[in-house]
């Protein structure tokens, strides 16, 4: 595994760690009608986190632990900021996974990156649609 690919995967893992944490905040403040959606999305991030950890371990890379806590980029105290935090989280994950796609030297790692980028983009579009953002999608997800 090249250094660039390894660092991209570590950055993506960090984004997934942050996403799992943030979805705890999102769950606390999201509209109760969104409980199932929040549960589905946090489960997806946990699964992606776990598979990324496994891939790094197989490659012999030391896997860092998550931070004890993460700071939200803005106060979250009701459903609207919770949904905006979800958009931010999904965008951050899309940026990280796009970097994996760009730096991957192995086809299987590139496929993982494409799948993760696509999943984040779909979740981001869902949250943007909930917020009424028009259009809810962007042309090149993960482009910072």
Protein backbone atom coordinates (compact mmCIF):
# COMPACT_ATOMS: atom_id res chain seq x y z
CA UNK A 1 0.00 0.00 0.00
CA UNK A 2 1.44 3.35 -1.01
CA UNK A 3 1.85 6.12 1.52
CA UNK A 4 -0.72 8.26 -0.29
CA UNK A 5 -3.31 5.51 -0.32
CA UNK A 6 -2.62 4.68 3.31
CA UNK A 7 -2.98 8.32 4.41
CA UNK A 8 -6.20 8.71 2.41
CA UNK A 9 -7.67 5.65 4.12
CA UNK A 10 -6.60 6.96 7.54
CA UNK A 11 -8.22 10.32 6.75
CA UNK A 12 -11.39 8.53 5.64
CA UNK A 13 -11.38 6.51 8.85
CA UNK A 14 -11.11 9.74 10.83
CA UNK A 15 -14.10 11.14 8.91
CA UNK A 16 -16.07 7.98 9.72
CA UNK A 17 -15.13 8.22 13.41
CA UNK A 18 -16.37 11.82 13.42
CA UNK A 19 -19.55 10.84 11.56
CA UNK A 20 -20.44 8.16 14.09
CA UNK A 21 -19.94 10.67 16.90
CA UNK A 22 -21.89 13.42 15.11
CA UNK A 23 -24.83 11.13 14.43
CA UNK A 24 -25.14 10.75 18.21
CA UNK A 25 -25.67 14.51 18.40
CA UNK A 26 -27.96 14.42 15.38
CA UNK A 27 -30.05 11.66 16.98
CA UNK A 28 -30.48 13.73 20.13
CA UNK A 29 -31.92 16.72 18.26
CA UNK A 30 -33.37 15.41 14.99
CA UNK A 31 -37.07 15.45 14.31
CA UNK A 32 -38.51 12.26 15.80
CA UNK A 33 -39.91 11.41 12.36
CA UNK A 34 -36.29 10.97 11.26
CA UNK A 35 -35.33 8.38 13.92
CA UNK A 36 -35.30 5.47 11.49
CA UNK A 37 -33.26 7.45 8.96
CA UNK A 38 -30.73 8.50 11.60
CA UNK A 39 -30.41 4.90 12.85
CA UNK A 40 -29.88 3.64 9.29
CA UNK A 41 -27.25 6.27 8.54
CA UNK A 42 -25.27 5.80 11.74
CA UNK A 43 -25.30 2.04 11.14
CA UNK A 44 -23.89 2.66 7.65
CA UNK A 45 -21.11 4.82 9.06
CA UNK A 46 -20.29 2.23 11.72
CA UNK A 47 -20.10 -0.49 9.07
CA UNK A 48 -17.88 1.69 6.86
CA UNK A 49 -15.68 2.51 9.86
CA UNK A 50 -15.32 -1.16 10.74
CA UNK A 51 -14.54 -2.27 7.19
CA UNK A 52 -11.95 0.51 6.87
CA UNK A 53 -10.31 -0.60 10.11
CA UNK A 54 -10.22 -4.17 8.80
CA UNK A 55 -8.67 -3.08 5.48
CA UNK A 56 -5.99 -1.08 7.25
CA UNK A 57 -5.17 -3.95 9.61
CA UNK A 58 -4.89 -6.41 6.72
CA UNK A 59 -2.42 -4.01 5.11
CA UNK A 60 -0.40 -3.93 8.34
CA UNK A 61 -1.23 -0.31 9.12
CA UNK A 62 -1.53 0.76 12.75
CA UNK A 63 -5.12 1.89 13.29
CA UNK A 64 -5.55 4.98 15.46
CA UNK A 65 -8.31 5.13 18.04
CA UNK A 66 -11.07 7.71 17.62
CA UNK A 67 -10.85 10.97 19.48
CA UNK A 68 -12.63 11.02 22.83
CA UNK A 69 -14.96 13.73 21.55
CA UNK A 70 -15.49 15.90 18.50
CA UNK A 71 -16.61 19.52 18.27
CA UNK A 72 -19.55 20.38 16.06
CA UNK A 73 -18.90 23.27 13.66
CA UNK A 74 -21.95 25.12 15.00
CA UNK A 75 -24.40 24.75 17.90
CA UNK A 76 -26.95 21.96 17.49
CA UNK A 77 -30.03 22.39 19.63
CA UNK A 78 -33.03 21.59 17.44
CA UNK A 79 -33.95 19.63 14.28
CA UNK A 80 -32.78 22.19 11.70
CA UNK A 81 -29.18 22.45 12.94
CA UNK A 82 -29.20 18.66 13.43
CA UNK A 83 -30.08 18.18 9.76
CA UNK A 84 -27.47 20.78 8.76
CA UNK A 85 -24.88 18.89 10.82
CA UNK A 86 -25.83 15.72 8.94
CA UNK A 87 -25.22 17.52 5.63
CA UNK A 88 -21.84 18.70 6.90
CA UNK A 89 -20.88 15.23 8.12
CA UNK A 90 -21.84 13.59 4.84
CA UNK A 91 -19.93 16.21 2.87
CA UNK A 92 -16.85 15.68 5.06
CA UNK A 93 -17.06 11.93 4.44
CA UNK A 94 -17.53 12.47 0.71
CA UNK A 95 -14.41 14.67 0.61
CA UNK A 96 -12.40 12.01 2.46
CA UNK A 97 -13.61 9.14 0.30
CA UNK A 98 -13.04 11.11 -2.90
CA UNK A 99 -9.41 11.46 -1.81
CA UNK A 100 -9.26 7.68 -1.45
CA UNK A 101 -10.53 7.29 -5.01
CA UNK A 102 -7.96 9.81 -6.26
CA UNK A 103 -5.02 8.26 -4.39
CA UNK A 104 -5.87 4.57 -4.66
CA UNK A 105 -3.30 2.47 -6.44
CA UNK A 106 -5.29 -0.75 -6.07
CA UNK A 107 -8.56 -1.43 -7.87
CA UNK A 108 -10.22 -2.90 -4.77
CA UNK A 109 -9.39 0.19 -2.68
CA UNK A 110 -10.63 2.45 -5.47
CA UNK A 111 -13.91 0.46 -5.53
CA UNK A 112 -14.28 0.88 -1.75
CA UNK A 113 -13.73 4.61 -2.16
CA UNK A 114 -16.26 4.89 -4.97
CA UNK A 115 -18.88 2.99 -2.99
CA UNK A 116 -18.30 5.08 0.15
CA UNK A 117 -18.32 8.34 -1.82
CA UNK A 118 -21.57 7.37 -3.52
CA UNK A 119 -23.23 6.40 -0.24
CA UNK A 120 -22.20 9.68 1.41
CA UNK A 121 -23.45 11.68 -1.58
CA UNK A 122 -26.85 9.97 -1.46
CA UNK A 123 -27.17 10.56 2.29
CA UNK A 124 -26.13 14.19 1.83
CA UNK A 125 -28.74 14.67 -0.89
CA UNK A 126 -31.39 13.13 1.35
CA UNK A 127 -30.62 15.57 4.17
CA UNK A 128 -30.50 18.50 1.76
CA UNK A 129 -33.90 17.50 0.39
CA UNK A 130 -35.24 17.38 3.96
CA UNK A 131 -33.91 20.91 4.47
CA UNK A 132 -35.49 22.05 1.20
CA UNK A 133 -32.19 22.76 -0.54
CA UNK A 134 -32.65 23.08 -4.30
CA UNK A 135 -31.20 21.24 -5.98
CA UNK A 136 -30.49 18.69 -3.24
CA UNK A 137 -27.56 17.20 -5.13
CA UNK A 138 -24.26 18.63 -6.31
CA UNK A 139 -22.46 17.85 -9.55
CA UNK A 140 -19.21 16.55 -8.07
CA UNK A 141 -19.71 15.20 -4.55
CA UNK A 142 -16.68 15.35 -2.35
CA UNK A 143 -15.03 18.17 -4.23
CA UNK A 144 -13.86 20.58 -1.56
